[in-house]
Amino acid sequence: MQRTSLHRFNKEEGYEKVITRGNSSLKYLGFDRMVIKPGEKIEYEVKGEEIAIVLQEGDFKATVDWNGKKFFDEISGTRKDVFDELPTSVYLPPNSKITIESANGMEARIFTAPCDEGNEPYFCGPDDVEEGAPGAHIWKRKYRFIFGPGSKHNGNITKKLIVGESVSVPGGWIGFPGHRHDLNNENEYPLEEIFSIRVKGPNGGPGTVIQYSSDIEDGERWNEFFVIEDDNNAIALPVGFHTSFAVPGCTEYLLWGLAGKEKIYKVQFDERYTSLENALY
């Protein structure tokens, strides 16, 4: 039984639904992508869900309506390099509409979570992103909280979504030891997760995502992994321990999002590697 699923982007322009409840085993989390050509415009209405738009590259100007009234007259952002520059992001609740245009072209990647009522729209510029660089050696990485869990940066912006970015050092790991959020107990809470990865290296890649379980499930121990060699991907991670790394000489950019029935963030690390905790933080 395949638990995880790798999804490719198909559209060269416009708004694309990439991961949905119809093509994955996820119930609480989805993933979209938006590409606008130079001089073009897109209008998108948000219905029955909240979304978090994360600019990947290019420029945009946008207006936002909410419940039939203008909320943002004009917001804008630019980004050239996801590895070195902080993101610009927009949170949109149900019953909102964004009109977005680009002078020189843009790409954004978007997390979605079904909900009936969201919070008010929110514009998150680069100065409103929390960045840190914990860890040592090949475990050192940058993390960027865009919309964090309840107790973290911007934790009260969304109803369901938790969104951020991580960047490895060359040949480094992001999130090792692996962690999971499958069970509802004092140590973890069920959350679904999606990764979208870009790799920078001498020949563009590859990087690798590992999804695994160290527990026996239905009488077997399972492992699943994907080798990522391009930027055209999103990976649905419904259950199990997961982590990722870049091969030597390559740097990994990881855009990640989580959602569950409730916005509760508790994770369980693989206890076999607790001796590495000091290297992580």
C-alpha atoms as a PDB file:
ATOM      1  CA  MET A   1       0.000   0.000   0.000  1.00  0.00           C
ATOM      2  CA  GLN A   2       1.445   3.342  -1.086  1.00  0.00           C
ATOM      3  CA  ARG A   3       0.956   5.928   1.650  1.00  0.00           C
ATOM      4  CA  THR A   4       2.732   8.960   0.220  1.00  0.00           C
ATOM      5  CA  SER A   5       2.259  10.449  -3.249  1.00  0.00           C
ATOM      6  CA  LEU A   6       4.413  12.599  -5.514  1.00  0.00           C
ATOM      7  CA  HIS A   7       2.535  15.134  -7.643  1.00  0.00           C
ATOM      8  CA  ARG A   8       3.858  17.076 -10.648  1.00  0.00           C
ATOM      9  CA  PHE A   9       2.823  20.509 -11.869  1.00  0.00           C
ATOM     10  CA  ASN A  10       1.134  20.381 -15.278  1.00  0.00           C
ATOM     11  CA  LYS A  11       0.064  23.909 -16.158  1.00  0.00           C
ATOM     12  CA  GLU A  12       2.513  26.500 -17.485  1.00  0.00           C
ATOM     13  CA  GLU A  13       0.210  29.370 -16.550  1.00  0.00           C
ATOM     14  CA  GLY A  14      -2.914  30.077 -14.552  1.00  0.00           C
ATOM     15  CA  TYR A  15      -4.224  28.539 -11.330  1.00  0.00           C
ATOM     16  CA  GLU A  16      -3.716  24.792 -10.834  1.00  0.00           C
ATOM     17  CA  LYS A  17      -5.075  22.392  -8.215  1.00  0.00           C
ATOM     18  CA  VAL A  18      -2.136  20.041  -7.562  1.00  0.00           C
ATOM     19  CA  ILE A  19      -2.972  17.977  -4.449  1.00  0.00           C
ATOM     20  CA  THR A  20      -6.625  17.471  -3.555  1.00  0.00           C
ATOM     21  CA  ARG A  21      -8.787  15.057  -1.612  1.00  0.00           C
ATOM     22  CA  GLY A  22      -9.589  13.475  -4.966  1.00  0.00           C
ATOM     23  CA  ASN A  23      -6.036  12.555  -5.977  1.00  0.00           C
ATOM     24  CA  SER A  24      -4.424  11.870  -2.586  1.00  0.00           C
ATOM     25  CA  SER A  25      -5.255  10.392   0.812  1.00  0.00           C
ATOM     26  CA  LEU A  26      -5.210  13.829   2.477  1.00  0.00           C
ATOM     27  CA  LYS A  27      -8.438  15.140   4.019  1.00  0.00           C
ATOM     28  CA  TYR A  28      -7.371  18.347   5.758  1.00  0.00           C
ATOM     29  CA  LEU A  29      -4.672  19.781   3.478  1.00  0.00           C
ATOM     30  CA  GLY A  30      -4.258  20.599  -0.207  1.00  0.00           C
ATOM     31  CA  PHE A  31      -1.763  22.264  -2.507  1.00  0.00           C
ATOM     32  CA  ASP A  32      -2.231  24.627  -5.463  1.00  0.00           C
ATOM     33  CA  ARG A  33       0.078  26.575  -7.760  1.00  0.00           C
ATOM     34  CA  MET A  34      -0.294  29.896  -9.539  1.00  0.00           C
ATOM     35  CA  VAL A  35       1.757  31.087 -12.525  1.00  0.00           C
ATOM     36  CA  ILE A  36       1.133  34.497 -14.074  1.00  0.00           C
ATOM     37  CA  LYS A  37       2.809  35.517 -17.316  1.00  0.00           C
ATOM     38  CA  PRO A  38       4.213  39.073 -17.740  1.00  0.00           C
ATOM     39  CA  GLY A  39       1.435  41.631 -18.000  1.00  0.00           C
ATOM     40  CA  GLU A  40      -1.296  39.110 -17.142  1.00  0.00           C
ATOM     41  CA  LYS A  41      -3.879  39.044 -14.327  1.00  0.00           C
ATOM     42  CA  ILE A  42      -5.758  36.369 -12.361  1.00  0.00           C
ATOM     43  CA  GLU A  43      -8.893  36.633 -10.227  1.00  0.00           C
ATOM     44  CA  TYR A  44      -9.479  33.839  -7.735  1.00  0.00           C
ATOM     45  CA  GLU A  45     -12.373  33.380  -5.311  1.00  0.00           C
ATOM     46  CA  VAL A  46     -11.794  31.363  -2.136  1.00  0.00           C
ATOM     47  CA  LYS A  47     -14.740  29.147  -1.200  1.00  0.00           C
ATOM     48  CA  GLY A  48     -15.014  26.573   1.582  1.00  0.00           C
ATOM     49  CA  GLU A  49     -11.353  26.746   2.508  1.00  0.00           C
ATOM     50  CA  GLU A  50      -8.557  29.035   3.624  1.00  0.00           C
ATOM     51  CA  ILE A  51      -5.384  29.428   1.581  1.00  0.00           C
ATOM     52  CA  ALA A  52      -1.830  30.658   2.106  1.00  0.00           C
ATOM     53  CA  ILE A  53      -0.111  32.004  -1.020  1.00  0.00           C
ATOM     54  CA  VAL A  54       3.701  31.919  -0.854  1.00  0.00           C
ATOM     55  CA  LEU A  55       5.595  33.831  -3.553  1.00  0.00           C
ATOM     56  CA  GLN A  56       8.364  31.779  -5.128  1.00  0.00           C
ATOM     57  CA  GLU A  57       9.765  34.159  -7.696  1.00  0.00           C
ATOM     58  CA  GLY A  58       8.793  37.219  -9.677  1.00  0.00           C
ATOM     59  CA  ASP A  59       6.628  40.212  -8.788  1.00  0.00           C
ATOM     60  CA  PHE A  60       2.969  40.878  -8.082  1.00  0.00           C
ATOM     61  CA  LYS A  61       0.438  43.524  -7.131  1.00  0.00           C
ATOM     62  CA  ALA A  62      -2.912  42.495  -5.712  1.00  0.00           C
ATOM     63  CA  THR A  63      -6.197  43.673  -4.260  1.00  0.00           C
ATOM     64  CA  VAL A  64      -8.261  41.594  -1.832  1.00  0.00           C
ATOM     65  CA  ASP A  65     -12.018  41.611  -1.192  1.00  0.00           C
ATOM     66  CA  TRP A  66     -13.585  39.899   1.799  1.00  0.00           C
ATOM     67  CA  ASN A  67     -17.308  39.347   2.399  1.00  0.00           C
ATOM     68  CA  GLY A  68     -18.085  41.612  -0.527  1.00  0.00           C
ATOM     69  CA  LYS A  69     -15.957  44.555   0.652  1.00  0.00           C
ATOM     70  CA  LYS A  70     -12.513  45.798  -0.275  1.00  0.00           C
ATOM     71  CA  PHE A  71      -9.963  44.723   2.362  1.00  0.00           C
ATOM     72  CA  PHE A  72      -6.575  45.468   0.747  1.00  0.00           C
ATOM     73  CA  ASP A  73      -6.441  48.212  -1.882  1.00  0.00           C
ATOM     74  CA  GLU A  74      -2.951  47.206  -2.978  1.00  0.00           C
ATOM     75  CA  ILE A  75      -0.365  44.768  -1.693  1.00  0.00           C
ATOM     76  CA  SER A  76       2.780  43.798  -3.546  1.00  0.00           C
ATOM     77  CA  GLY A  77       5.867  41.657  -3.387  1.00  0.00           C
ATOM     78  CA  THR A  78       8.997  40.640  -5.264  1.00  0.00           C
ATOM     79  CA  ARG A  79      11.349  37.695  -4.926  1.00  0.00           C
ATOM     80  CA  LYS A  80      14.317  36.493  -6.954  1.00  0.00           C
ATOM     81  CA  ASP A  81      15.785  33.602  -4.950  1.00  0.00           C
ATOM     82  CA  VAL A  82      14.012  31.332  -2.452  1.00  0.00           C
ATOM     83  CA  PHE A  83      17.334  30.096  -1.062  1.00  0.00           C
ATOM     84  CA  ASP A  84      18.529  33.509   0.129  1.00  0.00           C
ATOM     85  CA  GLU A  85      15.470  35.802   0.253  1.00  0.00           C
ATOM     86  CA  LEU A  86      12.587  35.734   2.711  1.00  0.00           C
ATOM     87  CA  PRO A  87       9.096  35.098   1.331  1.00  0.00           C
ATOM     88  CA  THR A  88       6.093  37.310   0.805  1.00  0.00           C
ATOM     89  CA  SER A  89       2.816  35.568   1.593  1.00  0.00           C
ATOM     90  CA  VAL A  90      -0.922  36.270   1.651  1.00  0.00           C
ATOM     91  CA  TYR A  91      -3.494  34.522   3.862  1.00  0.00           C
ATOM     92  CA  LEU A  92      -7.031  34.406   2.479  1.00  0.00           C
ATOM     93  CA  PRO A  93     -10.107  33.049   4.321  1.00  0.00           C
ATOM     94  CA  PRO A  94     -13.323  31.665   2.827  1.00  0.00           C
ATOM     95  CA  ASN A  95     -15.493  34.224   1.008  1.00  0.00           C
ATOM     96  CA  SER A  96     -12.532  36.283  -0.136  1.00  0.00           C
ATOM     97  CA  LYS A  97     -11.312  37.162  -3.614  1.00  0.00           C
ATOM     98  CA  ILE A  98      -7.860  38.155  -4.811  1.00  0.00           C
ATOM     99  CA  THR A  99      -7.100  39.994  -8.035  1.00  0.00           C
ATOM    100  CA  ILE A 100      -3.412  39.576  -8.731  1.00  0.00           C
ATOM    101  CA  GLU A 101      -1.263  40.811 -11.615  1.00  0.00           C
ATOM    102  CA  SER A 102       2.413  40.699 -12.495  1.00  0.00           C
ATOM    103  CA  ALA A 103       4.555  43.044 -14.558  1.00  0.00           C
ATOM    104  CA  ASN A 104       7.362  40.571 -15.223  1.00  0.00           C
ATOM    105  CA  GLY A 105       5.791  37.210 -14.371  1.00  0.00           C
ATOM    106  CA  MET A 106       5.508  35.277 -11.117  1.00  0.00           C
ATOM    107  CA  GLU A 107       5.052  31.868  -9.534  1.00  0.00           C
ATOM    108  CA  ALA A 108       3.392  31.182  -6.182  1.00  0.00           C
ATOM    109  CA  ARG A 109       2.766  27.918  -4.341  1.00  0.00           C
ATOM    110  CA  ILE A 110      -0.341  27.667  -2.214  1.00  0.00           C
ATOM    111  CA  PHE A 111      -1.506  25.585   0.739  1.00  0.00           C
ATOM    112  CA  THR A 112      -5.228  25.042   1.279  1.00  0.00           C
ATOM    113  CA  ALA A 113      -7.298  23.728   4.187  1.00  0.00           C
ATOM    114  CA  PRO A 114     -11.065  23.206   4.231  1.00  0.00           C
ATOM    115  CA  CYS A 115     -12.892  25.394   6.739  1.00  0.00           C
ATOM    116  CA  ASP A 116     -16.192  27.211   7.026  1.00  0.00           C
ATOM    117  CA  GLU A 117     -14.948  30.336   8.768  1.00  0.00           C
ATOM    118  CA  GLY A 118     -11.469  31.784   8.614  1.00  0.00           C
ATOM    119  CA  ASN A 119      -9.776  34.797  10.093  1.00  0.00           C
ATOM    120  CA  GLU A 120      -9.426  38.111   8.306  1.00  0.00           C
ATOM    121  CA  PRO A 121      -7.066  38.363   5.305  1.00  0.00           C
ATOM    122  CA  TYR A 122      -3.429  38.973   6.160  1.00  0.00           C
ATOM    123  CA  PHE A 123      -0.432  40.218   4.201  1.00  0.00           C
ATOM    124  CA  CYS A 124       2.909  38.837   5.390  1.00  0.00           C
ATOM    125  CA  GLY A 125       5.913  40.682   3.984  1.00  0.00           C
ATOM    126  CA  PRO A 126       9.532  39.550   4.344  1.00  0.00           C
ATOM    127  CA  ASP A 127       9.947  41.655   7.497  1.00  0.00           C
ATOM    128  CA  ASP A 128       7.092  39.697   9.087  1.00  0.00           C
ATOM    129  CA  VAL A 129       8.757  36.277   8.712  1.00  0.00           C
ATOM    130  CA  GLU A 130      10.659  34.710  11.604  1.00  0.00           C
ATOM    131  CA  GLU A 131      13.964  33.185  10.486  1.00  0.00           C
ATOM    132  CA  GLY A 132      16.420  31.150  12.531  1.00  0.00           C
ATOM    133  CA  ALA A 133      19.428  28.943  11.830  1.00  0.00           C
ATOM    134  CA  PRO A 134      19.648  26.161  14.430  1.00  0.00           C
ATOM    135  CA  GLY A 135      21.771  23.057  14.313  1.00  0.00           C
ATOM    136  CA  ALA A 136      25.382  22.221  13.596  1.00  0.00           C
ATOM    137  CA  HIS A 137      27.370  20.584  10.816  1.00  0.00           C
ATOM    138  CA  ILE A 138      25.146  18.808   8.276  1.00  0.00           C
ATOM    139  CA  TRP A 139      22.088  19.342  10.505  1.00  0.00           C
ATOM    140  CA  LYS A 140      22.335  23.141  10.333  1.00  0.00           C
ATOM    141  CA  ARG A 141      19.488  24.718   8.396  1.00  0.00           C
ATOM    142  CA  LYS A 142      17.422  27.870   8.120  1.00  0.00           C
ATOM    143  CA  TYR A 143      13.804  27.785   9.221  1.00  0.00           C
ATOM    144  CA  ARG A 144      11.254  30.450   8.328  1.00  0.00           C
ATOM    145  CA  PHE A 145       7.916  30.639  10.116  1.00  0.00           C
ATOM    146  CA  ILE A 146       5.384  32.341   7.856  1.00  0.00           C
ATOM    147  CA  PHE A 147       2.223  31.242   9.676  1.00  0.00           C
ATOM    148  CA  GLY A 148       3.378  29.250  12.686  1.00  0.00           C
ATOM    149  CA  PRO A 149       1.462  27.039  15.097  1.00  0.00           C
ATOM    150  CA  GLY A 150      -0.490  28.676  17.909  1.00  0.00           C
ATOM    151  CA  SER A 151       2.425  29.458  20.204  1.00  0.00           C
ATOM    152  CA  LYS A 152       4.832  30.476  17.431  1.00  0.00           C
ATOM    153  CA  HIS A 153       5.271  33.439  15.077  1.00  0.00           C
ATOM    154  CA  ASN A 154       2.013  34.554  13.385  1.00  0.00           C
ATOM    155  CA  GLY A 155       0.296  31.645  15.094  1.00  0.00           C
ATOM    156  CA  ASN A 156      -3.064  33.434  15.291  1.00  0.00           C
ATOM    157  CA  ILE A 157      -3.378  34.377  11.609  1.00  0.00           C
ATOM    158  CA  THR A 158      -4.840  31.168  10.179  1.00  0.00           C
ATOM    159  CA  LYS A 159      -7.565  28.854  11.428  1.00  0.00           C
ATOM    160  CA  LYS A 160      -6.005  25.593  10.248  1.00  0.00           C
ATOM    161  CA  LEU A 161      -2.810  26.100   8.248  1.00  0.00           C
ATOM    162  CA  ILE A 162       0.769  26.015   9.528  1.00  0.00           C
ATOM    163  CA  VAL A 163       3.199  27.181   6.835  1.00  0.00           C
ATOM    164  CA  GLY A 164       6.928  27.751   6.598  1.00  0.00           C
ATOM    165  CA  GLU A 165      10.166  27.193   4.723  1.00  0.00           C
ATOM    166  CA  SER A 166      13.497  25.523   5.451  1.00  0.00           C
ATOM    167  CA  VAL A 167      16.844  25.692   3.635  1.00  0.00           C
ATOM    168  CA  SER A 168      19.630  23.156   4.136  1.00  0.00           C
ATOM    169  CA  VAL A 169      23.361  23.633   4.027  1.00  0.00           C
ATOM    170  CA  PRO A 170      25.008  21.921   1.031  1.00  0.00           C
ATOM    171  CA  GLY A 171      24.697  18.199   1.577  1.00  0.00           C
ATOM    172  CA  GLY A 172      22.643  18.793   4.713  1.00  0.00           C
ATOM    173  CA  TRP A 173      19.510  17.426   6.320  1.00  0.00           C
ATOM    174  CA  ILE A 174      16.239  19.183   7.052  1.00  0.00           C
ATOM    175  CA  GLY A 175      14.358  17.652   9.951  1.00  0.00           C
ATOM    176  CA  PHE A 176      16.557  14.776  11.071  1.00  0.00           C
ATOM    177  CA  PRO A 177      15.789  12.778  13.130  1.00  0.00           C
ATOM    178  CA  GLY A 178      12.549  12.208  11.308  1.00  0.00           C
ATOM    179  CA  HIS A 179       9.352  13.212  13.036  1.00  0.00           C
ATOM    180  CA  ARG A 180       5.730  12.194  12.772  1.00  0.00           C
ATOM    181  CA  HIS A 181       2.357  13.605  13.834  1.00  0.00           C
ATOM    182  CA  ASP A 182      -0.008  10.654  13.494  1.00  0.00           C
ATOM    183  CA  LEU A 183      -1.504   9.842  16.904  1.00  0.00           C
ATOM    184  CA  ASN A 184      -3.666  11.810  19.314  1.00  0.00           C
ATOM    185  CA  ASN A 185      -1.806  11.565  22.615  1.00  0.00           C
ATOM    186  CA  GLU A 186       0.318  13.690  24.937  1.00  0.00           C
ATOM    187  CA  ASN A 187       3.290  13.634  22.534  1.00  0.00           C
ATOM    188  CA  GLU A 188       1.732  14.173  19.112  1.00  0.00           C
ATOM    189  CA  TYR A 189      -1.421  15.248  17.295  1.00  0.00           C
ATOM    190  CA  PRO A 190      -2.633  14.063  13.864  1.00  0.00           C
ATOM    191  CA  LEU A 191      -1.533  16.514  11.175  1.00  0.00           C
ATOM    192  CA  GLU A 192      -1.153  16.003   7.449  1.00  0.00           C
ATOM    193  CA  GLU A 193       1.857  17.560   5.718  1.00  0.00           C
ATOM    194  CA  ILE A 194       2.911  18.563   2.212  1.00  0.00           C
ATOM    195  CA  PHE A 195       6.468  19.213   1.006  1.00  0.00           C
ATOM    196  CA  SER A 196       7.382  21.172  -2.129  1.00  0.00           C
ATOM    197  CA  ILE A 197      11.102  21.099  -2.872  1.00  0.00           C
ATOM    198  CA  ARG A 198      13.608  22.986  -4.990  1.00  0.00           C
ATOM    199  CA  VAL A 199      17.243  21.936  -5.317  1.00  0.00           C
ATOM    200  CA  LYS A 200      20.276  24.081  -6.152  1.00  0.00           C
ATOM    201  CA  GLY A 201      23.488  22.369  -7.176  1.00  0.00           C
ATOM    202  CA  PRO A 202      26.154  22.026  -9.870  1.00  0.00           C
ATOM    203  CA  ASN A 203      23.698  20.274 -12.177  1.00  0.00           C
ATOM    204  CA  GLY A 204      20.428  21.164 -10.484  1.00  0.00           C
ATOM    205  CA  GLY A 205      20.183  18.235  -8.102  1.00  0.00           C
ATOM    206  CA  PRO A 206      19.222  15.709  -7.022  1.00  0.00           C
ATOM    207  CA  GLY A 207      17.841  16.004  -3.532  1.00  0.00           C
ATOM    208  CA  THR A 208      16.002  13.262  -1.707  1.00  0.00           C
ATOM    209  CA  VAL A 209      12.892  13.009   0.455  1.00  0.00           C
ATOM    210  CA  ILE A 210      12.561  10.065   2.784  1.00  0.00           C
ATOM    211  CA  GLN A 211       9.206   8.984   4.197  1.00  0.00           C
ATOM    212  CA  TYR A 212       9.460   6.047   6.550  1.00  0.00           C
ATOM    213  CA  SER A 213       8.017   4.380   9.622  1.00  0.00           C
ATOM    214  CA  SER A 214      10.129   2.852  12.362  1.00  0.00           C
ATOM    215  CA  ASP A 215       7.048   1.160  13.819  1.00  0.00           C
ATOM    216  CA  ILE A 216       5.438  -2.097  12.787  1.00  0.00           C
ATOM    217  CA  GLU A 217       2.156  -1.307  11.038  1.00  0.00           C
ATOM    218  CA  ASP A 218      -0.224  -4.128  10.060  1.00  0.00           C
ATOM    219  CA  GLY A 219       2.575  -6.616  10.634  1.00  0.00           C
ATOM    220  CA  GLU A 220       5.176  -4.887   8.485  1.00  0.00           C
ATOM    221  CA  ARG A 221       7.749  -2.108   8.618  1.00  0.00           C
ATOM    222  CA  TRP A 222       7.510   0.206   5.623  1.00  0.00           C
ATOM    223  CA  ASN A 223       9.762   2.699   3.889  1.00  0.00           C
ATOM    224  CA  GLU A 224       8.998   5.020   0.987  1.00  0.00           C
ATOM    225  CA  PHE A 225      11.222   7.641  -0.598  1.00  0.00           C
ATOM    226  CA  PHE A 226      11.398  10.002  -3.570  1.00  0.00           C
ATOM    227  CA  VAL A 227      14.404  11.341  -5.445  1.00  0.00           C
ATOM    228  CA  ILE A 228      13.794  14.973  -6.413  1.00  0.00           C
ATOM    229  CA  GLU A 229      15.712  16.256  -9.440  1.00  0.00           C
ATOM    230  CA  ASP A 230      13.658  19.312 -10.420  1.00  0.00           C
ATOM    231  CA  ASP A 231      11.453  22.064  -8.980  1.00  0.00           C
ATOM    232  CA  ASN A 232       8.214  20.667 -10.386  1.00  0.00           C
ATOM    233  CA  ASN A 233       6.862  18.785  -7.371  1.00  0.00           C
ATOM    234  CA  ALA A 234       4.696  18.530  -4.288  1.00  0.00           C
ATOM    235  CA  ILE A 235       4.621  15.500  -1.990  1.00  0.00           C
ATOM    236  CA  ALA A 236       1.657  14.445   0.154  1.00  0.00           C
ATOM    237  CA  LEU A 237       2.730  13.002   3.523  1.00  0.00           C
ATOM    238  CA  PRO A 238      -0.353  11.679   5.336  1.00  0.00           C
ATOM    239  CA  VAL A 239       1.385   9.526   7.976  1.00  0.00           C
ATOM    240  CA  GLY A 240       4.727   8.234   9.175  1.00  0.00           C
ATOM    241  CA  PHE A 241       8.125   9.606  10.117  1.00  0.00           C
ATOM    242  CA  HIS A 242       9.546  11.909   7.448  1.00  0.00           C
ATOM    243  CA  THR A 243      12.712  13.862   6.752  1.00  0.00           C
ATOM    244  CA  SER A 244      14.721  15.085   3.750  1.00  0.00           C
ATOM    245  CA  PHE A 245      18.285  15.829   2.709  1.00  0.00           C
ATOM    246  CA  ALA A 246      20.357  17.213  -0.149  1.00  0.00           C
ATOM    247  CA  VAL A 247      23.180  15.237  -1.702  1.00  0.00           C
ATOM    248  CA  PRO A 248      26.738  16.613  -1.272  1.00  0.00           C
ATOM    249  CA  GLY A 249      27.240  19.856  -3.169  1.00  0.00           C
ATOM    250  CA  CYS A 250      23.502  20.565  -3.417  1.00  0.00           C
ATOM    251  CA  THR A 251      21.264  22.793  -1.293  1.00  0.00           C
ATOM    252  CA  GLU A 252      17.617  22.004  -0.602  1.00  0.00           C
ATOM    253  CA  TYR A 253      14.788  24.516  -0.288  1.00  0.00           C
ATOM    254  CA  LEU A 254      11.735  23.029   1.410  1.00  0.00           C
ATOM    255  CA  LEU A 255       8.327  24.701   1.457  1.00  0.00           C
ATOM    256  CA  TRP A 256       6.139  22.920   3.996  1.00  0.00           C
ATOM    257  CA  GLY A 257       2.581  23.126   5.206  1.00  0.00           C
ATOM    258  CA  LEU A 258       0.501  21.242   7.764  1.00  0.00           C
ATOM    259  CA  ALA A 259      -3.150  21.013   8.746  1.00  0.00           C
ATOM    260  CA  GLY A 260      -5.418  18.719  10.725  1.00  0.00           C
ATOM    261  CA  LYS A 261      -8.862  18.646  12.254  1.00  0.00           C
ATOM    262  CA  GLU A 262      -7.625  21.163  14.820  1.00  0.00           C
ATOM    263  CA  LYS A 263      -4.629  23.507  14.772  1.00  0.00           C
ATOM    264  CA  ILE A 264      -2.561  21.689  17.385  1.00  0.00           C
ATOM    265  CA  TYR A 265       1.169  21.204  16.805  1.00  0.00           C
ATOM    266  CA  LYS A 266       2.774  18.289  18.644  1.00  0.00           C
ATOM    267  CA  VAL A 267       5.326  16.014  16.971  1.00  0.00           C
ATOM    268  CA  GLN A 268       7.109  12.805  17.925  1.00  0.00           C
ATOM    269  CA  PHE A 269      10.771  12.445  16.904  1.00  0.00           C
ATOM    270  CA  ASP A 270      12.263   9.061  16.120  1.00  0.00           C
ATOM    271  CA  GLU A 271      13.545   8.012  19.528  1.00  0.00           C
ATOM    272  CA  ARG A 272      16.340   5.907  18.042  1.00  0.00           C
ATOM    273  CA  TYR A 273      18.247   9.125  17.308  1.00  0.00           C
ATOM    274  CA  THR A 274      17.811  11.117  20.514  1.00  0.00           C
ATOM    275  CA  SER A 275      21.610  11.265  20.857  1.00  0.00           C
ATOM    276  CA  LEU A 276      21.633  13.799  17.983  1.00  0.00           C
ATOM    277  CA  GLU A 277      19.405  16.318  19.753  1.00  0.00           C
ATOM    278  CA  ASN A 278      22.291  18.651  20.612  1.00  0.00           C
ATOM    279  CA  ALA A 279      23.348  18.778  16.960  1.00  0.00           C
ATOM    280  CA  LEU A 280      19.820  19.785  15.918  1.00  0.00           C
ATOM    281  CA  TYR A 281      19.323  22.741  18.221  1.00  0.00           C
END
